[in-house]
Each structure stands twice: as C-alpha cells, then as structure tokens.
Amino acid sequence: MEKNLNITAIIQARTSSTRFPNKVLKKINKKTVLEIIYLRLKKSKLLNDIIFAIPNNKREKKLRDFLKTKNYKFFAGSTDNVLDRYYKCAKKYKSNIIIRVTGDCPLIDVKLVDDLITRFKKSKVDILTNHNPPTYPDGLDVSVFNFKSLFSAWKNVKTNFDKEHVVPFLLKNSKYKKINITHDEDLNLERWTLDEPEDLVVLNNIFARFKGNFNFSWLDVLKNRKKFPEDFMANKNI
C-alpha cells in the first residue's frame, strides 16, 4: 500500500433515482447493493479509503441512516452538482488519487480497479478510464484521476451537464492528458448495471450462481454468461 499517496474510492450514491427509486439499497443475497460494492472494493490492495458521496438533502435520510448503521464513511454534498460533491469530498479526506465508482455497479471488479490504479500511477496522465469508449460490460466503469485535475475541473467547469457527470469535462478538454484502457473483446453491450427493475433480476441471477460468495471476478461472470445465457435475459429489451 502506498505510504505517501492517499488513494480513495469515492462512490456516488442516492436513493432518489427517477427510474428506480432506492435501487442502491435493494438487496441481493441478503446484502444491499452498496454493501456489496463496499465488500468488493475492500479487497483492494491499493485503496486507502472508501467514501460514499451522497446528496445533502432530507430525501436521503434513509441512505444516511444506512451508512451510519454500517459505519461507512460518507460525505454529504451538493444534490445536483456531483463534481462539487466529489471535489469537496476528496478535499476533506485529503485524497491524492480518486477512483470514481457509481452506486449502481455491484459487479465492480477489484482486480480491474487495482490494475487501473497501477496503470494510472505509471502513465503520468490526468485521467484514466475504461469507458471512453466502453469495451467492458456496462457496470464495470471506472475513472481514475488525481486531485489536481479534479480541482481544475471544479474551478473551470461551466455547464450543468459537466457538473452533474464529474468526468466529461476532463475527457473532452485537450489540456488534460488521458488514457482509456480497452478489453480485447468489445463487450459494451453486456448490461450488468442496476438502472431498472429488470436489471435487478439479472444481478440476482448472477450472484445466485456464486452461492453467497461476493468476491468473484467479472471474468467468472463472463464465463457464466456463456454457460447460463438464460440468467441474462431479463434486461435484454432495455
């Protein structure tokens, strides 16, 4: 583990999703989606901290209470300006390298995360992604950037879209050095995220195959995708 660099996963989460309210607190194998993300990231060899970045409003009381019950670290910030929420969260926890994860990705893969952190540190870029363009299944998206770049984006961003989505400003601005990691096979049409009720059916099917183990690899899921295609049918129309 790095002694001089504070490497922080910041997971943005809210319960007020319009398409699927409270989705981050839905249960898979008796654990909430946020618990699963936390448990999977805790296996990282490189992360120093895991923080949930949530909106600071009354509607998120249930989420705040849940995080307190689990003793998870969290930061409550701007509801709509997620970039501001990220910046102030990273500043508070003195993060040097930030890994952006969203609260609707229970299949986030810790080996992939550690690999991207290692590549980021070697590459001397401002931001490293695996989704610009995407070749991994939807639900494995990771962005890695340094605090200097986050501060620069926070200071210079203008549009509401860029404030709401955190990384587009860094990705489209030529002054920032960037790298995108791609998978050999283009799997971006695989849908392993949680955005609709049908996605929860698929995720329940995926986790059921591992019989209570929450720390399998995304490549294990891919093998099951080929062996048990019926498990992945529920969200095919989305």
Protein backbone atom coordinates (compact mmCIF):
# COMPACT_ATOMS: atom_id res chain seq x y z
CA MET A 1 0.00 0.00 0.00
CA GLU A 2 1.25 3.49 -0.89
CA LYS A 3 2.73 5.43 2.02
CA ASN A 4 2.74 8.93 0.50
CA LEU A 5 -0.32 8.80 -1.75
CA ASN A 6 -3.85 8.68 -0.38
CA ILE A 7 -5.79 6.59 -2.89
CA THR A 8 -9.53 6.94 -2.37
CA ALA A 9 -12.54 5.29 -3.97
CA ILE A 10 -15.43 7.76 -3.95
CA ILE A 11 -18.77 6.09 -4.63
CA GLN A 12 -21.56 8.44 -5.66
CA ALA A 13 -24.94 7.22 -4.45
CA ARG A 14 -28.52 8.46 -3.99
CA THR A 15 -31.91 6.92 -3.39
CA SER A 16 -33.90 9.41 -5.46
CA SER A 17 -33.34 7.81 -8.86
CA THR A 18 -36.39 8.55 -11.03
CA ARG A 19 -36.26 5.28 -12.98
CA PHE A 20 -35.69 3.00 -10.00
CA PRO A 21 -36.00 4.72 -6.59
CA ASN A 22 -33.98 3.24 -3.69
CA LYS A 23 -32.10 0.97 -6.09
CA VAL A 24 -28.81 1.29 -4.16
CA LEU A 25 -30.49 -0.15 -1.05
CA LYS A 26 -32.09 -3.10 -2.85
CA LYS A 27 -30.88 -6.47 -1.60
CA ILE A 28 -29.04 -9.18 -3.50
CA ASN A 29 -28.28 -12.33 -1.50
CA LYS A 30 -29.39 -10.54 1.70
CA LYS A 31 -26.96 -7.65 1.26
CA THR A 32 -27.70 -4.22 -0.14
CA VAL A 33 -26.12 -3.12 -3.40
CA LEU A 34 -23.98 -0.57 -1.53
CA GLU A 35 -22.76 -3.23 0.93
CA ILE A 36 -21.74 -5.45 -1.98
CA ILE A 37 -19.80 -2.62 -3.65
CA TYR A 38 -18.07 -1.86 -0.35
CA LEU A 39 -17.21 -5.52 0.31
CA ARG A 40 -15.80 -5.96 -3.18
CA LEU A 41 -13.69 -2.78 -3.00
CA LYS A 42 -12.40 -3.69 0.48
CA LYS A 43 -10.40 -6.48 -1.17
CA SER A 44 -8.26 -3.91 -2.99
CA LYS A 45 -4.52 -4.00 -2.31
CA LEU A 46 -4.11 -0.33 -3.28
CA LEU A 47 -7.07 1.62 -1.91
CA ASN A 48 -6.52 3.53 1.33
CA ASP A 49 -10.12 4.65 1.77
CA ILE A 50 -13.69 4.08 0.55
CA ILE A 51 -16.08 7.03 0.87
CA PHE A 52 -19.72 7.36 -0.18
CA ALA A 53 -20.57 10.77 -1.66
CA ILE A 54 -24.30 11.42 -1.22
CA PRO A 55 -26.67 14.38 -1.69
CA ASN A 56 -27.17 16.58 1.36
CA ASN A 57 -30.96 16.76 1.47
CA LYS A 58 -33.85 15.43 3.57
CA ARG A 59 -34.87 12.87 0.95
CA GLU A 60 -31.63 10.97 1.59
CA LYS A 61 -32.28 10.38 5.31
CA LYS A 62 -32.76 6.65 4.72
CA LEU A 63 -29.43 6.44 2.88
CA ARG A 64 -27.61 8.50 5.51
CA ASP A 65 -29.04 6.34 8.32
CA PHE A 66 -27.99 3.17 6.49
CA LEU A 67 -24.40 4.40 6.04
CA LYS A 68 -24.21 5.39 9.71
CA THR A 69 -25.52 1.97 10.78
CA LYS A 70 -22.81 0.24 8.72
CA ASN A 71 -20.10 2.67 9.95
CA TYR A 72 -19.23 3.52 6.35
CA LYS A 73 -17.51 6.86 5.78
CA PHE A 74 -19.63 9.29 3.78
CA PHE A 75 -19.70 12.89 2.65
CA ALA A 76 -22.98 14.76 2.07
CA GLY A 77 -22.70 17.49 -0.55
CA SER A 78 -24.45 19.15 -3.48
CA THR A 79 -27.50 17.31 -4.80
CA ASP A 80 -27.13 18.24 -8.49
CA ASN A 81 -23.51 19.38 -8.79
CA VAL A 82 -21.87 16.00 -8.34
CA LEU A 83 -18.50 17.41 -9.43
CA ASP A 84 -18.64 19.82 -6.49
CA ARG A 85 -19.61 16.92 -4.22
CA TYR A 86 -16.61 14.91 -5.43
CA TYR A 87 -14.19 17.80 -5.10
CA LYS A 88 -15.26 18.70 -1.56
CA CYS A 89 -15.29 15.03 -0.52
CA ALA A 90 -11.76 14.48 -1.92
CA LYS A 91 -10.57 17.70 -0.27
CA LYS A 92 -12.00 16.73 3.11
CA TYR A 93 -10.37 13.28 3.03
CA LYS A 94 -7.08 14.61 1.56
CA SER A 95 -7.27 12.30 -1.46
CA ASN A 96 -4.36 12.35 -3.92
CA ILE A 97 -5.76 9.81 -6.38
CA ILE A 98 -9.51 9.39 -6.75
CA ILE A 99 -11.30 6.35 -8.16
CA ARG A 100 -14.81 7.23 -9.27
CA VAL A 101 -17.38 4.47 -8.83
CA THR A 102 -21.16 4.76 -9.04
CA GLY A 103 -23.57 3.19 -6.55
CA ASP A 104 -25.39 1.16 -9.21
CA CYS A 105 -22.46 -1.14 -10.06
CA PRO A 106 -22.42 -4.11 -7.63
CA LEU A 107 -20.17 -6.06 -10.01
CA ILE A 108 -17.35 -3.52 -9.79
CA ASP A 109 -14.20 -5.65 -10.01
CA VAL A 110 -11.40 -5.01 -7.52
CA LYS A 111 -8.68 -6.59 -9.67
CA LEU A 112 -9.70 -4.34 -12.52
CA VAL A 113 -9.71 -1.34 -10.16
CA ASP A 114 -6.22 -2.16 -8.86
CA ASP A 115 -4.96 -2.70 -12.39
CA LEU A 116 -6.28 0.71 -13.48
CA ILE A 117 -4.73 2.40 -10.41
CA THR A 118 -1.36 0.80 -11.20
CA ARG A 119 -1.55 1.90 -14.83
CA PHE A 120 -2.58 5.41 -13.79
CA LYS A 121 0.43 5.77 -11.48
CA LYS A 122 2.83 4.56 -14.19
CA SER A 123 1.34 6.59 -17.04
CA LYS A 124 1.57 10.14 -15.60
CA VAL A 125 -1.77 11.18 -17.09
CA ASP A 126 -4.51 13.35 -15.58
CA ILE A 127 -7.31 10.84 -16.00
CA LEU A 128 -7.51 7.15 -16.91
CA THR A 129 -10.77 5.41 -17.81
CA ASN A 130 -12.08 2.10 -19.14
CA HIS A 131 -15.27 3.56 -20.69
CA ASN A 132 -14.22 6.23 -23.19
CA PRO A 133 -15.11 4.46 -25.44
CA PRO A 134 -16.53 1.46 -23.50
CA THR A 135 -15.40 -2.09 -24.26
CA TYR A 136 -16.09 -3.62 -20.82
CA PRO A 137 -19.63 -4.64 -19.77
CA ASP A 138 -21.83 -1.78 -18.57
CA GLY A 139 -21.47 -1.89 -14.79
CA LEU A 140 -17.66 -2.07 -14.67
CA ASP A 141 -16.99 1.62 -15.40
CA VAL A 142 -14.06 3.13 -13.51
CA SER A 143 -12.38 6.54 -13.78
CA VAL A 144 -9.07 7.29 -12.05
CA PHE A 145 -7.83 10.89 -11.73
CA ASN A 146 -5.64 13.00 -9.48
CA PHE A 147 -6.75 15.72 -7.12
CA LYS A 148 -5.07 18.43 -9.20
CA SER A 149 -7.22 17.53 -12.22
CA LEU A 150 -10.37 17.32 -10.09
CA PHE A 151 -9.66 20.77 -8.66
CA SER A 152 -9.02 22.15 -12.14
CA ALA A 153 -12.32 20.75 -13.46
CA TRP A 154 -14.19 22.05 -10.40
CA LYS A 155 -12.71 25.52 -10.87
CA ASN A 156 -13.27 25.79 -14.64
CA VAL A 157 -16.44 23.85 -15.39
CA LYS A 158 -19.35 25.83 -16.84
CA THR A 159 -22.22 23.61 -17.99
CA ASN A 160 -24.76 21.82 -15.80
CA PHE A 161 -24.09 18.58 -17.68
CA ASP A 162 -20.40 18.66 -16.78
CA LYS A 163 -21.22 19.49 -13.16
CA GLU A 164 -23.63 16.58 -12.93
CA HIS A 165 -21.41 13.94 -14.54
CA VAL A 166 -17.96 14.65 -12.99
CA VAL A 167 -15.56 13.36 -15.68
CA PRO A 168 -16.79 14.63 -19.13
CA PHE A 169 -15.05 17.98 -18.66
CA LEU A 170 -11.69 16.25 -18.17
CA LEU A 171 -12.28 13.83 -21.04
CA LYS A 172 -13.24 16.40 -23.69
CA ASN A 173 -10.74 19.10 -22.77
CA SER A 174 -7.48 18.73 -24.70
CA LYS A 175 -5.35 20.27 -21.96
CA TYR A 176 -5.71 17.13 -19.82
CA LYS A 177 -3.67 14.03 -20.59
CA LYS A 178 -5.85 10.94 -20.74
CA ILE A 179 -5.71 7.21 -21.44
CA ASN A 180 -8.54 4.74 -21.99
CA ILE A 181 -7.99 1.05 -21.26
CA THR A 182 -9.81 -1.33 -23.59
CA HIS A 183 -10.69 -5.00 -23.38
CA ASP A 184 -9.63 -7.33 -26.21
CA GLU A 185 -13.24 -8.18 -26.98
CA ASP A 186 -15.85 -5.42 -27.21
CA LEU A 187 -18.40 -6.30 -24.51
CA ASN A 188 -20.02 -2.89 -24.04
CA LEU A 189 -23.47 -4.25 -24.96
CA GLU A 190 -23.43 -6.53 -21.90
CA ARG A 191 -25.67 -4.89 -19.29
CA TRP A 192 -24.52 -5.63 -15.71
CA THR A 193 -25.54 -2.35 -14.11
CA LEU A 194 -28.60 -1.50 -11.95
CA ASP A 195 -30.80 1.12 -13.53
CA GLU A 196 -34.15 -0.63 -13.96
CA PRO A 197 -36.07 -3.35 -12.04
CA GLU A 198 -35.21 -5.83 -14.82
CA ASP A 199 -31.52 -5.28 -14.11
CA LEU A 200 -32.05 -6.42 -10.52
CA VAL A 201 -33.41 -9.73 -11.81
CA VAL A 202 -30.23 -10.28 -13.84
CA LEU A 203 -27.97 -9.28 -10.94
CA ASN A 204 -29.81 -11.64 -8.59
CA ASN A 205 -29.28 -14.43 -11.12
CA ILE A 206 -25.58 -13.59 -11.41
CA PHE A 207 -24.93 -13.57 -7.67
CA ALA A 208 -27.01 -16.71 -7.07
CA ARG A 209 -24.52 -18.71 -9.14
CA PHE A 210 -21.78 -17.90 -6.59
CA LYS A 211 -23.75 -19.18 -3.58
CA GLY A 212 -23.10 -16.39 -1.08
CA ASN A 213 -19.57 -15.53 -2.26
CA PHE A 214 -19.38 -11.80 -3.08
CA ASN A 215 -15.78 -11.66 -4.28
CA PHE A 216 -15.79 -13.35 -7.66
CA SER A 217 -14.20 -11.80 -10.75
CA TRP A 218 -16.01 -10.18 -13.66
CA LEU A 219 -14.36 -12.83 -15.85
CA ASP A 220 -16.16 -15.50 -13.81
CA VAL A 221 -19.42 -13.72 -14.63
CA LEU A 222 -18.46 -13.72 -18.30
CA LYS A 223 -17.92 -17.50 -18.19
CA ASN A 224 -21.38 -17.91 -16.67
CA ARG A 225 -22.79 -15.61 -19.35
CA LYS A 226 -21.73 -18.23 -21.89
CA LYS A 227 -22.81 -21.22 -19.75
CA PHE A 228 -26.13 -19.84 -18.49
CA PRO A 229 -27.41 -17.30 -21.05
CA GLU A 230 -30.91 -17.54 -19.55
CA ASP A 231 -29.65 -15.72 -16.42
CA PHE A 232 -29.04 -12.60 -18.51
CA MET A 233 -32.29 -12.38 -20.46
CA ALA A 234 -34.49 -10.24 -18.18
CA ASN A 235 -32.99 -6.86 -19.22
CA LYS A 236 -32.38 -7.66 -22.89
CA ASN A 237 -35.07 -5.22 -24.06
CA ILE A 238 -33.51 -2.22 -22.30
